[in-house]
Amino acid sequence: MTETLPSFIFPKAPEDAARAYDRMSSSNAKVPMPRYYFNIVTGDGIREDLEGSELPDLDHARVEAIKDARALMSDAILQGHDISSRRLDISNEAGDVLLTVAFADAIKPVA
């Protein structure tokens, strides 16, 4: 037996429309995006990103890492510190380093 939808979704919806809605909502299940972790590497150690960020792909993660490095350097410069020797290691959920972004390279324009 097909469950009818509330009238605010499909006012007086025919049975075919209700079935089509059910098929659409079940087939559009979201595919989870990969989670990337941005670990800051300094001369003294590593500051691990424990939460990570869900992003569509590694290229998006690279762009985010560049933005993060620029923001961190901006804050440091305002406080009189040079942290351009640091880097961000982008890792996957397994902990594998997929890409490294040097803070100094974040000053260059993003292509």
PDB file of N, CA and C in Angstrom:
ATOM      1  N   MET A   1       0.839  -1.175   0.000  1.00  0.00           N
ATOM      2  CA  MET A   1       0.000   0.000   0.000  1.00  0.00           C
ATOM      3  C   MET A   1       0.883   1.237   0.000  1.00  0.00           C
ATOM      4  N   THR A   2       0.588   2.175  -0.898  1.00  0.00           N
ATOM      5  CA  THR A   2       1.366   3.399  -1.004  1.00  0.00           C
ATOM      6  C   THR A   2       0.823   4.423  -0.027  1.00  0.00           C
ATOM      7  N   GLU A   3       1.729   5.016   0.711  1.00  0.00           N
ATOM      8  CA  GLU A   3       1.349   6.043   1.681  1.00  0.00           C
ATOM      9  C   GLU A   3       1.092   7.346   0.936  1.00  0.00           C
ATOM     10  N   THR A   4       0.016   8.019   1.234  1.00  0.00           N
ATOM     11  CA  THR A   4      -0.264   9.289   0.567  1.00  0.00           C
ATOM     12  C   THR A   4       0.515  10.394   1.241  1.00  0.00           C
ATOM     13  N   LEU A   5       0.917  11.359   0.427  1.00  0.00           N
ATOM     14  CA  LEU A   5       1.694  12.484   0.923  1.00  0.00           C
ATOM     15  C   LEU A   5       0.773  13.547   1.507  1.00  0.00           C
ATOM     16  N   PRO A   6       1.270  14.311   2.444  1.00  0.00           N
ATOM     17  CA  PRO A   6       0.459  15.396   2.996  1.00  0.00           C
ATOM     18  C   PRO A   6       0.063  16.368   1.893  1.00  0.00           C
ATOM     19  N   SER A   7      -1.077  16.994   2.030  1.00  0.00           N
ATOM     20  CA  SER A   7      -1.596  17.862   0.982  1.00  0.00           C
ATOM     21  C   SER A   7      -0.731  19.088   0.737  1.00  0.00           C
ATOM     22  N   PHE A   8       0.101  19.487   1.712  1.00  0.00           N
ATOM     23  CA  PHE A   8       0.928  20.663   1.479  1.00  0.00           C
ATOM     24  C   PHE A   8       2.088  20.360   0.520  1.00  0.00           C
ATOM     25  N   ILE A   9       2.412  19.067   0.307  1.00  0.00           N
ATOM     26  CA  ILE A   9       3.466  18.722  -0.649  1.00  0.00           C
ATOM     27  C   ILE A   9       2.890  18.630  -2.054  1.00  0.00           C
ATOM     28  N   PHE A  10       1.869  17.853  -2.231  1.00  0.00           N
ATOM     29  CA  PHE A  10       1.180  17.726  -3.501  1.00  0.00           C
ATOM     30  C   PHE A  10      -0.310  17.857  -3.233  1.00  0.00           C
ATOM     31  N   PRO A  11      -0.876  19.051  -3.368  1.00  0.00           N
ATOM     32  CA  PRO A  11      -2.313  19.165  -3.124  1.00  0.00           C
ATOM     33  C   PRO A  11      -3.082  18.220  -4.043  1.00  0.00           C
ATOM     34  N   LYS A  12      -3.859  17.362  -3.432  1.00  0.00           N
ATOM     35  CA  LYS A  12      -4.675  16.386  -4.159  1.00  0.00           C
ATOM     36  C   LYS A  12      -3.862  15.629  -5.193  1.00  0.00           C
ATOM     37  N   ALA A  13      -2.664  15.174  -4.789  1.00  0.00           N
ATOM     38  CA  ALA A  13      -1.753  14.496  -5.710  1.00  0.00           C
ATOM     39  C   ALA A  13      -2.318  13.159  -6.130  1.00  0.00           C
ATOM     40  N   PRO A  14      -2.289  12.852  -7.426  1.00  0.00           N
ATOM     41  CA  PRO A  14      -2.707  11.524  -7.864  1.00  0.00           C
ATOM     42  C   PRO A  14      -1.698  10.491  -7.393  1.00  0.00           C
ATOM     43  N   GLU A  15      -2.116   9.237  -7.354  1.00  0.00           N
ATOM     44  CA  GLU A  15      -1.283   8.135  -6.870  1.00  0.00           C
ATOM     45  C   GLU A  15       0.038   8.058  -7.622  1.00  0.00           C
ATOM     46  N   ASP A  16       0.059   8.290  -8.952  1.00  0.00           N
ATOM     47  CA  ASP A  16       1.294   8.227  -9.731  1.00  0.00           C
ATOM     48  C   ASP A  16       2.294   9.284  -9.278  1.00  0.00           C
ATOM     49  N   ALA A  17       1.832  10.472  -8.976  1.00  0.00           N
ATOM     50  CA  ALA A  17       2.724  11.542  -8.530  1.00  0.00           C
ATOM     51  C   ALA A  17       3.336  11.184  -7.182  1.00  0.00           C
ATOM     52  N   ALA A  18       2.563  10.583  -6.304  1.00  0.00           N
ATOM     53  CA  ALA A  18       3.066  10.190  -4.993  1.00  0.00           C
ATOM     54  C   ALA A  18       4.148   9.121  -5.143  1.00  0.00           C
ATOM     55  N   ARG A  19       3.926   8.141  -6.015  1.00  0.00           N
ATOM     56  CA  ARG A  19       4.931   7.103  -6.249  1.00  0.00           C
ATOM     57  C   ARG A  19       6.196   7.695  -6.862  1.00  0.00           C
ATOM     58  N   ALA A  20       6.031   8.631  -7.787  1.00  0.00           N
ATOM     59  CA  ALA A  20       7.185   9.281  -8.413  1.00  0.00           C
ATOM     60  C   ALA A  20       7.982  10.056  -7.366  1.00  0.00           C
ATOM     61  N   TYR A  21       7.293  10.716  -6.455  1.00  0.00           N
ATOM     62  CA  TYR A  21       7.966  11.466  -5.388  1.00  0.00           C
ATOM     63  C   TYR A  21       8.763  10.511  -4.496  1.00  0.00           C
ATOM     64  N   ASP A  22       8.177   9.381  -4.159  1.00  0.00           N
ATOM     65  CA  ASP A  22       8.876   8.401  -3.334  1.00  0.00           C
ATOM     66  C   ASP A  22      10.136   7.877  -4.022  1.00  0.00           C
ATOM     67  N   ARG A  23      10.050   7.592  -5.323  1.00  0.00           N
ATOM     68  CA  ARG A  23      11.211   7.113  -6.074  1.00  0.00           C
ATOM     69  C   ARG A  23      12.289   8.188  -6.128  1.00  0.00           C
ATOM     70  N   MET A  24      11.901   9.446  -6.366  1.00  0.00           N
ATOM     71  CA  MET A  24      12.857  10.539  -6.437  1.00  0.00           C
ATOM     72  C   MET A  24      13.588  10.717  -5.118  1.00  0.00           C
ATOM     73  N   SER A  25      12.856  10.736  -4.033  1.00  0.00           N
ATOM     74  CA  SER A  25      13.485  10.999  -2.741  1.00  0.00           C
ATOM     75  C   SER A  25      14.388   9.856  -2.310  1.00  0.00           C
ATOM     76  N   SER A  26      14.082   8.621  -2.697  1.00  0.00           N
ATOM     77  CA  SER A  26      14.944   7.506  -2.304  1.00  0.00           C
ATOM     78  C   SER A  26      16.142   7.369  -3.234  1.00  0.00           C
ATOM     79  N   SER A  27      16.039   7.764  -4.502  1.00  0.00           N
ATOM     80  CA  SER A  27      17.154   7.618  -5.433  1.00  0.00           C
ATOM     81  C   SER A  27      18.121   8.790  -5.348  1.00  0.00           C
ATOM     82  N   ASN A  28      17.735   9.878  -4.703  1.00  0.00           N
ATOM     83  CA  ASN A  28      18.598  11.041  -4.587  1.00  0.00           C
ATOM     84  C   ASN A  28      19.378  11.042  -3.279  1.00  0.00           C
ATOM     85  N   ALA A  29      19.649   9.871  -2.755  1.00  0.00           N
ATOM     86  CA  ALA A  29      20.415   9.793  -1.509  1.00  0.00           C
ATOM     87  C   ALA A  29      21.786  10.416  -1.750  1.00  0.00           C
ATOM     88  N   LYS A  30      22.215  11.234  -0.812  1.00  0.00           N
ATOM     89  CA  LYS A  30      23.477  11.945  -0.984  1.00  0.00           C
ATOM     90  C   LYS A  30      24.654  10.997  -0.812  1.00  0.00           C
ATOM     91  N   VAL A  31      25.587  11.119  -1.737  1.00  0.00           N
ATOM     92  CA  VAL A  31      26.827  10.376  -1.647  1.00  0.00           C
ATOM     93  C   VAL A  31      27.756  11.201  -0.767  1.00  0.00           C
ATOM     94  N   PRO A  32      28.311  10.615   0.291  1.00  0.00           N
ATOM     95  CA  PRO A  32      29.167  11.406   1.177  1.00  0.00           C
ATOM     96  C   PRO A  32      30.425  11.881   0.456  1.00  0.00           C
ATOM     97  N   MET A  33      30.800  13.127   0.744  1.00  0.00           N
ATOM     98  CA  MET A  33      32.026  13.676   0.182  1.00  0.00           C
ATOM     99  C   MET A  33      33.208  13.199   1.015  1.00  0.00           C
ATOM    100  N   PRO A  34      34.379  13.155   0.386  1.00  0.00           N
ATOM    101  CA  PRO A  34      35.553  12.765   1.162  1.00  0.00           C
ATOM    102  C   PRO A  34      35.881  13.820   2.226  1.00  0.00           C
ATOM    103  N   ARG A  35      36.465  13.384   3.310  1.00  0.00           N
ATOM    104  CA  ARG A  35      36.871  14.286   4.398  1.00  0.00           C
ATOM    105  C   ARG A  35      38.383  14.470   4.322  1.00  0.00           C
ATOM    106  N   TYR A  36      38.795  15.732   4.334  1.00  0.00           N
ATOM    107  CA  TYR A  36      40.209  16.079   4.290  1.00  0.00           C
ATOM    108  C   TYR A  36      40.597  16.755   5.599  1.00  0.00           C
ATOM    109  N   TYR A  37      41.819  16.469   6.046  1.00  0.00           N
ATOM    110  CA  TYR A  37      42.352  17.025   7.285  1.00  0.00           C
ATOM    111  C   TYR A  37      43.532  17.926   6.951  1.00  0.00           C
ATOM    112  N   PHE A  38      43.559  19.113   7.566  1.00  0.00           N
ATOM    113  CA  PHE A  38      44.576  20.117   7.295  1.00  0.00           C
ATOM    114  C   PHE A  38      45.474  20.244   8.527  1.00  0.00           C
ATOM    115  N   ASN A  39      46.573  19.519   8.528  1.00  0.00           N
ATOM    116  CA  ASN A  39      47.490  19.507   9.663  1.00  0.00           C
ATOM    117  C   ASN A  39      48.592  20.540   9.444  1.00  0.00           C
ATOM    118  N   ILE A  40      48.792  21.407  10.440  1.00  0.00           N
ATOM    119  CA  ILE A  40      49.815  22.451  10.342  1.00  0.00           C
ATOM    120  C   ILE A  40      51.134  21.879  10.849  1.00  0.00           C
ATOM    121  N   VAL A  41      52.155  21.970  10.004  1.00  0.00           N
ATOM    122  CA  VAL A  41      53.470  21.465  10.355  1.00  0.00           C
ATOM    123  C   VAL A  41      54.391  22.657  10.608  1.00  0.00           C
ATOM    124  N   THR A  42      54.967  22.699  11.805  1.00  0.00           N
ATOM    125  CA  THR A  42      55.903  23.758  12.194  1.00  0.00           C
ATOM    126  C   THR A  42      57.261  23.121  12.467  1.00  0.00           C
ATOM    127  N   GLY A  43      58.222  23.938  12.791  1.00  0.00           N
ATOM    128  CA  GLY A  43      59.535  23.409  13.148  1.00  0.00           C
ATOM    129  C   GLY A  43      59.496  22.630  14.449  1.00  0.00           C
ATOM    130  N   ASP A  44      58.483  22.890  15.279  1.00  0.00           N
ATOM    131  CA  ASP A  44      58.381  22.247  16.597  1.00  0.00           C
ATOM    132  C   ASP A  44      57.482  21.018  16.627  1.00  0.00           C
ATOM    133  N   GLY A  45      56.702  20.790  15.586  1.00  0.00           N
ATOM    134  CA  GLY A  45      55.789  19.644  15.599  1.00  0.00           C
ATOM    135  C   GLY A  45      54.622  19.835  14.654  1.00  0.00           C
ATOM    136  N   ILE A  46      53.570  19.097  14.945  1.00  0.00           N
ATOM    137  CA  ILE A  46      52.372  19.109  14.092  1.00  0.00           C
ATOM    138  C   ILE A  46      51.154  19.466  14.932  1.00  0.00           C
ATOM    139  N   ARG A  47      50.352  20.370  14.413  1.00  0.00           N
ATOM    140  CA  ARG A  47      49.061  20.674  15.039  1.00  0.00           C
ATOM    141  C   ARG A  47      48.005  19.980  14.180  1.00  0.00           C
ATOM    142  N   GLU A  48      47.438  18.922  14.732  1.00  0.00           N
ATOM    143  CA  GLU A  48      46.504  18.089  13.966  1.00  0.00           C
ATOM    144  C   GLU A  48      45.120  18.703  13.880  1.00  0.00           C
ATOM    145  N   ASP A  49      44.534  18.563  12.708  1.00  0.00           N
ATOM    146  CA  ASP A  49      43.142  18.935  12.471  1.00  0.00           C
ATOM    147  C   ASP A  49      42.318  17.708  12.844  1.00  0.00           C
ATOM    148  N   LEU A  50      41.586  17.780  13.927  1.00  0.00           N
ATOM    149  CA  LEU A  50      40.835  16.622  14.409  1.00  0.00           C
ATOM    150  C   LEU A  50      39.455  16.484  13.769  1.00  0.00           C
ATOM    151  N   GLU A  51      38.943  17.569  13.204  1.00  0.00           N
ATOM    152  CA  GLU A  51      37.599  17.536  12.616  1.00  0.00           C
ATOM    153  C   GLU A  51      37.604  17.271  11.124  1.00  0.00           C
ATOM    154  N   GLY A  52      38.495  17.913  10.407  1.00  0.00           N
ATOM    155  CA  GLY A  52      38.520  17.781   8.961  1.00  0.00           C
ATOM    156  C   GLY A  52      37.380  18.535   8.305  1.00  0.00           C
ATOM    157  N   SER A  53      37.384  18.514   6.987  1.00  0.00           N
ATOM    158  CA  SER A  53      36.348  19.194   6.203  1.00  0.00           C
ATOM    159  C   SER A  53      35.931  18.295   5.055  1.00  0.00           C
ATOM    160  N   GLU A  54      34.635  18.253   4.807  1.00  0.00           N
ATOM    161  CA  GLU A  54      34.128  17.513   3.660  1.00  0.00           C
ATOM    162  C   GLU A  54      34.195  18.413   2.443  1.00  0.00           C
ATOM    163  N   LEU A  55      34.908  17.965   1.427  1.00  0.00           N
ATOM    164  CA  LEU A  55      35.081  18.726   0.195  1.00  0.00           C
ATOM    165  C   LEU A  55      34.945  17.769  -0.986  1.00  0.00           C
ATOM    166  N   PRO A  56      34.547  18.297  -2.143  1.00  0.00           N
ATOM    167  CA  PRO A  56      34.307  17.412  -3.287  1.00  0.00           C
ATOM    168  C   PRO A  56      35.537  16.636  -3.765  1.00  0.00           C
ATOM    169  N   ASP A  57      36.725  17.280  -3.729  1.00  0.00           N
ATOM    170  CA  ASP A  57      37.914  16.601  -4.236  1.00  0.00           C
ATOM    171  C   ASP A  57      39.174  17.275  -3.704  1.00  0.00           C
ATOM    172  N   LEU A  58      40.317  16.718  -4.074  1.00  0.00           N
ATOM    173  CA  LEU A  58      41.605  17.203  -3.575  1.00  0.00           C
ATOM    174  C   LEU A  58      41.907  18.614  -4.069  1.00  0.00           C
ATOM    175  N   ASP A  59      41.467  18.957  -5.259  1.00  0.00           N
ATOM    176  CA  ASP A  59      41.701  20.312  -5.764  1.00  0.00           C
ATOM    177  C   ASP A  59      40.990  21.350  -4.895  1.00  0.00           C
ATOM    178  N   HIS A  60      39.766  21.052  -4.482  1.00  0.00           N
ATOM    179  CA  HIS A  60      39.050  21.951  -3.569  1.00  0.00           C
ATOM    180  C   HIS A  60      39.778  22.032  -2.226  1.00  0.00           C
ATOM    181  N   ALA A  61      40.324  20.923  -1.776  1.00  0.00           N
ATOM    182  CA  ALA A  61      41.081  20.905  -0.524  1.00  0.00           C
ATOM    183  C   ALA A  61      42.332  21.772  -0.650  1.00  0.00           C
ATOM    184  N   ARG A  62      42.988  21.741  -1.797  1.00  0.00           N
ATOM    185  CA  ARG A  62      44.179  22.563  -2.032  1.00  0.00           C
ATOM    186  C   ARG A  62      43.831  24.041  -1.956  1.00  0.00           C
ATOM    187  N   VAL A  63      42.736  24.424  -2.578  1.00  0.00           N
ATOM    188  CA  VAL A  63      42.302  25.824  -2.551  1.00  0.00           C
ATOM    189  C   VAL A  63      41.983  26.253  -1.118  1.00  0.00           C
ATOM    190  N   GLU A  64      41.337  25.384  -0.348  1.00  0.00           N
ATOM    191  CA  GLU A  64      41.030  25.691   1.056  1.00  0.00           C
ATOM    192  C   GLU A  64      42.313  25.828   1.872  1.00  0.00           C
ATOM    193  N   ALA A  65      43.284  24.969   1.608  1.00  0.00           N
ATOM    194  CA  ALA A  65      44.560  25.037   2.331  1.00  0.00           C
ATOM    195  C   ALA A  65      45.265  26.363   2.052  1.00  0.00           C
ATOM    196  N   ILE A  66      45.224  26.815   0.817  1.00  0.00           N
ATOM    197  CA  ILE A  66      45.841  28.098   0.462  1.00  0.00           C
ATOM    198  C   ILE A  66      45.143  29.239   1.187  1.00  0.00           C
ATOM    199  N   LYS A  67      43.813  29.211   1.221  1.00  0.00           N
ATOM    200  CA  LYS A  67      43.059  30.245   1.943  1.00  0.00           C
ATOM    201  C   LYS A  67      43.398  30.225   3.433  1.00  0.00           C
ATOM    202  N   ASP A  68      43.474  29.028   4.010  1.00  0.00           N
ATOM    203  CA  ASP A  68      43.805  28.893   5.434  1.00  0.00           C
ATOM    204  C   ASP A  68      45.203  29.427   5.728  1.00  0.00           C
ATOM    205  N   ALA A  69      46.164  29.064   4.884  1.00  0.00           N
ATOM    206  CA  ALA A  69      47.547  29.520   5.087  1.00  0.00           C
ATOM    207  C   ALA A  69      47.613  31.044   5.015  1.00  0.00           C
ATOM    208  N   ARG A  70      46.916  31.628   4.057  1.00  0.00           N
ATOM    209  CA  ARG A  70      46.908  33.094   3.921  1.00  0.00           C
ATOM    210  C   ARG A  70      46.298  33.758   5.153  1.00  0.00           C
ATOM    211  N   ALA A  71      45.200  33.197   5.648  1.00  0.00           N
ATOM    212  CA  ALA A  71      44.542  33.773   6.826  1.00  0.00           C
ATOM    213  C   ALA A  71      45.441  33.664   8.057  1.00  0.00           C
ATOM    214  N   LEU A  72      46.081  32.502   8.233  1.00  0.00           N
ATOM    215  CA  LEU A  72      46.964  32.314   9.378  1.00  0.00           C
ATOM    216  C   LEU A  72      48.176  33.246   9.304  1.00  0.00           C
ATOM    217  N   MET A  73      48.735  33.410   8.102  1.00  0.00           N
ATOM    218  CA  MET A  73      49.880  34.310   7.947  1.00  0.00           C
ATOM    219  C   MET A  73      49.473  35.761   8.189  1.00  0.00           C
ATOM    220  N   SER A  74      48.287  36.136   7.725  1.00  0.00           N
ATOM    221  CA  SER A  74      47.802  37.510   7.940  1.00  0.00           C
ATOM    222  C   SER A  74      47.698  37.809   9.427  1.00  0.00           C
ATOM    223  N   ASP A  75      47.105  36.899  10.169  1.00  0.00           N
ATOM    224  CA  ASP A  75      46.981  37.083  11.620  1.00  0.00           C
ATOM    225  C   ASP A  75      48.354  37.171  12.282  1.00  0.00           C
ATOM    226  N   ALA A  76      49.266  36.313  11.851  1.00  0.00           N
ATOM    227  CA  ALA A  76      50.603  36.302  12.446  1.00  0.00           C
ATOM    228  C   ALA A  76      51.354  37.598  12.144  1.00  0.00           C
ATOM    229  N   ILE A  77      51.239  38.088  10.922  1.00  0.00           N
ATOM    230  CA  ILE A  77      51.911  39.330  10.544  1.00  0.00           C
ATOM    231  C   ILE A  77      51.396  40.490  11.378  1.00  0.00           C
ATOM    232  N   LEU A  78      50.093  40.527  11.613  1.00  0.00           N
ATOM    233  CA  LEU A  78      49.523  41.597  12.443  1.00  0.00           C
ATOM    234  C   LEU A  78      50.082  41.562  13.863  1.00  0.00           C
ATOM    235  N   GLN A  79      50.514  40.399  14.314  1.00  0.00           N
ATOM    236  CA  GLN A  79      51.093  40.258  15.652  1.00  0.00           C
ATOM    237  C   GLN A  79      52.627  40.322  15.623  1.00  0.00           C
ATOM    238  N   GLY A  80      53.186  40.576  14.428  1.00  0.00           N
ATOM    239  CA  GLY A  80      54.635  40.717  14.307  1.00  0.00           C
ATOM    240  C   GLY A  80      55.394  39.418  14.161  1.00  0.00           C
ATOM    241  N   HIS A  81      54.737  38.348  13.707  1.00  0.00           N
ATOM    242  CA  HIS A  81      55.389  37.042  13.569  1.00  0.00           C
ATOM    243  C   HIS A  81      55.431  36.628  12.103  1.00  0.00           C
ATOM    244  N   ASP A  82      56.505  35.949  11.737  1.00  0.00           N
ATOM    245  CA  ASP A  82      56.650  35.392  10.393  1.00  0.00           C
ATOM    246  C   ASP A  82      56.499  33.882  10.496  1.00  0.00           C
ATOM    247  N   ILE A  83      55.428  33.348   9.945  1.00  0.00           N
ATOM    248  CA  ILE A  83      55.201  31.896   9.983  1.00  0.00           C
ATOM    249  C   ILE A  83      55.231  31.299   8.573  1.00  0.00           C
ATOM    250  N   SER A  84      55.882  32.007   7.651  1.00  0.00           N
ATOM    251  CA  SER A  84      55.902  31.552   6.259  1.00  0.00           C
ATOM    252  C   SER A  84      56.678  30.255   6.056  1.00  0.00           C
ATOM    253  N   SER A  85      57.427  29.800   7.063  1.00  0.00           N
ATOM    254  CA  SER A  85      58.168  28.535   6.926  1.00  0.00           C
ATOM    255  C   SER A  85      57.295  27.315   7.233  1.00  0.00           C
ATOM    256  N   ARG A  86      56.077  27.540   7.691  1.00  0.00           N
ATOM    257  CA  ARG A  86      55.183  26.417   8.017  1.00  0.00           C
ATOM    258  C   ARG A  86      54.555  25.852   6.750  1.00  0.00           C
ATOM    259  N   ARG A  87      53.876  24.728   6.930  1.00  0.00           N
ATOM    260  CA  ARG A  87      53.166  24.118   5.801  1.00  0.00           C
ATOM    261  C   ARG A  87      51.896  23.448   6.316  1.00  0.00           C
ATOM    262  N   LEU A  88      50.996  23.174   5.400  1.00  0.00           N
ATOM    263  CA  LEU A  88      49.782  22.409   5.683  1.00  0.00           C
ATOM    264  C   LEU A  88      49.881  21.087   4.948  1.00  0.00           C
ATOM    265  N   ASP A  89      49.765  19.992   5.681  1.00  0.00           N
ATOM    266  CA  ASP A  89      49.673  18.675   5.066  1.00  0.00           C
ATOM    267  C   ASP A  89      48.195  18.315   4.973  1.00  0.00           C
ATOM    268  N   ILE A  90      47.746  18.024   3.776  1.00  0.00           N
ATOM    269  CA  ILE A  90      46.355  17.607   3.565  1.00  0.00           C
ATOM    270  C   ILE A  90      46.327  16.086   3.581  1.00  0.00           C
ATOM    271  N   SER A  91      45.559  15.537   4.520  1.00  0.00           N
ATOM    272  CA  SER A  91      45.482  14.083   4.686  1.00  0.00           C
ATOM    273  C   SER A  91      44.063  13.589   4.460  1.00  0.00           C
ATOM    274  N   ASN A  92      43.956  12.310   4.135  1.00  0.00           N
ATOM    275  CA  ASN A  92      42.640  11.682   4.035  1.00  0.00           C
ATOM    276  C   ASN A  92      42.275  11.075   5.388  1.00  0.00           C
ATOM    277  N   GLU A  93      41.136  10.395   5.445  1.00  0.00           N
ATOM    278  CA  GLU A  93      40.660   9.822   6.711  1.00  0.00           C
ATOM    279  C   GLU A  93      41.582   8.720   7.244  1.00  0.00           C
ATOM    280  N   ALA A  94      42.343   8.103   6.363  1.00  0.00           N
ATOM    281  CA  ALA A  94      43.273   7.049   6.783  1.00  0.00           C
ATOM    282  C   ALA A  94      44.572   7.631   7.337  1.00  0.00           C
ATOM    283  N   GLY A  95      44.736   8.959   7.212  1.00  0.00           N
ATOM    284  CA  GLY A  95      45.942   9.606   7.705  1.00  0.00           C
ATOM    285  C   GLY A  95      47.048   9.739   6.671  1.00  0.00           C
ATOM    286  N   ASP A  96      46.773   9.318   5.435  1.00  0.00           N
ATOM    287  CA  ASP A  96      47.767   9.428   4.365  1.00  0.00           C
ATOM    288  C   ASP A  96      47.874  10.881   3.917  1.00  0.00           C
ATOM    289  N   VAL A  97      49.094  11.418   3.827  1.00  0.00           N
ATOM    290  CA  VAL A  97      49.297  12.776   3.331  1.00  0.00           C
ATOM    291  C   VAL A  97      49.137  12.741   1.817  1.00  0.00           C
ATOM    292  N   LEU A  98      48.159  13.496   1.330  1.00  0.00           N
ATOM    293  CA  LEU A  98      47.855  13.518  -0.094  1.00  0.00           C
ATOM    294  C   LEU A  98      48.539  14.677  -0.811  1.00  0.00           C
ATOM    295  N   LEU A  99      48.743  15.769  -0.070  1.00  0.00           N
ATOM    296  CA  LEU A  99      49.291  16.977  -0.683  1.00  0.00           C
ATOM    297  C   LEU A  99      49.846  17.869   0.411  1.00  0.00           C
ATOM    298  N   THR A 100      50.910  18.591   0.104  1.00  0.00           N
ATOM    299  CA  THR A 100      51.498  19.539   1.037  1.00  0.00           C
ATOM    300  C   THR A 100      51.441  20.930   0.416  1.00  0.00           C
ATOM    301  N   VAL A 101      50.998  21.906   1.210  1.00  0.00           N
ATOM    302  CA  VAL A 101      50.949  23.299   0.763  1.00  0.00           C
ATOM    303  C   VAL A 101      51.844  24.104   1.693  1.00  0.00           C
ATOM    304  N   ALA A 102      52.955  24.614   1.150  1.00  0.00           N
ATOM    305  CA  ALA A 102      53.851  25.457   1.932  1.00  0.00           C
ATOM    306  C   ALA A 102      53.208  26.836   2.090  1.00  0.00           C
ATOM    307  N   PHE A 103      53.273  27.378   3.301  1.00  0.00           N
ATOM    308  CA  PHE A 103      52.708  28.708   3.534  1.00  0.00           C
ATOM    309  C   PHE A 103      53.311  29.723   2.560  1.00  0.00           C
ATOM    310  N   ALA A 104      54.618  29.644   2.322  1.00  0.00           N
ATOM    311  CA  ALA A 104      55.284  30.587   1.422  1.00  0.00           C
ATOM    312  C   ALA A 104      54.689  30.516   0.017  1.00  0.00           C
ATOM    313  N   ASP A 105      54.273  29.337  -0.408  1.00  0.00           N
ATOM    314  CA  ASP A 105      53.676  29.187  -1.739  1.00  0.00           C
ATOM    315  C   ASP A 105      52.263  29.776  -1.819  1.00  0.00           C
ATOM    316  N   ALA A 106      51.627  29.959  -0.660  1.00  0.00           N
ATOM    317  CA  ALA A 106      50.263  30.499  -0.644  1.00  0.00           C
ATOM    318  C   ALA A 106      50.235  31.981  -0.994  1.00  0.00           C
ATOM    319  N   ILE A 107      51.404  32.613  -0.988  1.00  0.00           N
ATOM    320  CA  ILE A 107      51.473  34.031  -1.344  1.00  0.00           C
ATOM    321  C   ILE A 107      51.336  34.201  -2.848  1.00  0.00           C
ATOM    322  N   LYS A 108      51.727  33.192  -3.597  1.00  0.00           N
ATOM    323  CA  LYS A 108      51.630  33.226  -5.045  1.00  0.00           C
ATOM    324  C   LYS A 108      50.165  33.141  -5.462  1.00  0.00           C
ATOM    325  N   PRO A 109      49.808  33.721  -6.613  1.00  0.00           N
ATOM    326  CA  PRO A 109      48.404  33.630  -7.060  1.00  0.00           C
ATOM    327  C   PRO A 109      47.967  32.185  -7.278  1.00  0.00           C
ATOM    328  N   VAL A 110      46.711  31.914  -6.970  1.00  0.00           N
ATOM    329  CA  VAL A 110      46.138  30.591  -7.185  1.00  0.00           C
ATOM    330  C   VAL A 110      45.757  30.468  -8.654  1.00  0.00           C
ATOM    331  N   ALA A 111      46.215  29.402  -9.284  1.00  0.00           N
ATOM    332  CA  ALA A 111      45.916  29.191 -10.715  1.00  0.00           C
ATOM    333  C   ALA A 111      44.632  28.426 -10.872  1.00  0.00           C
TER     334      ALA A 111
END
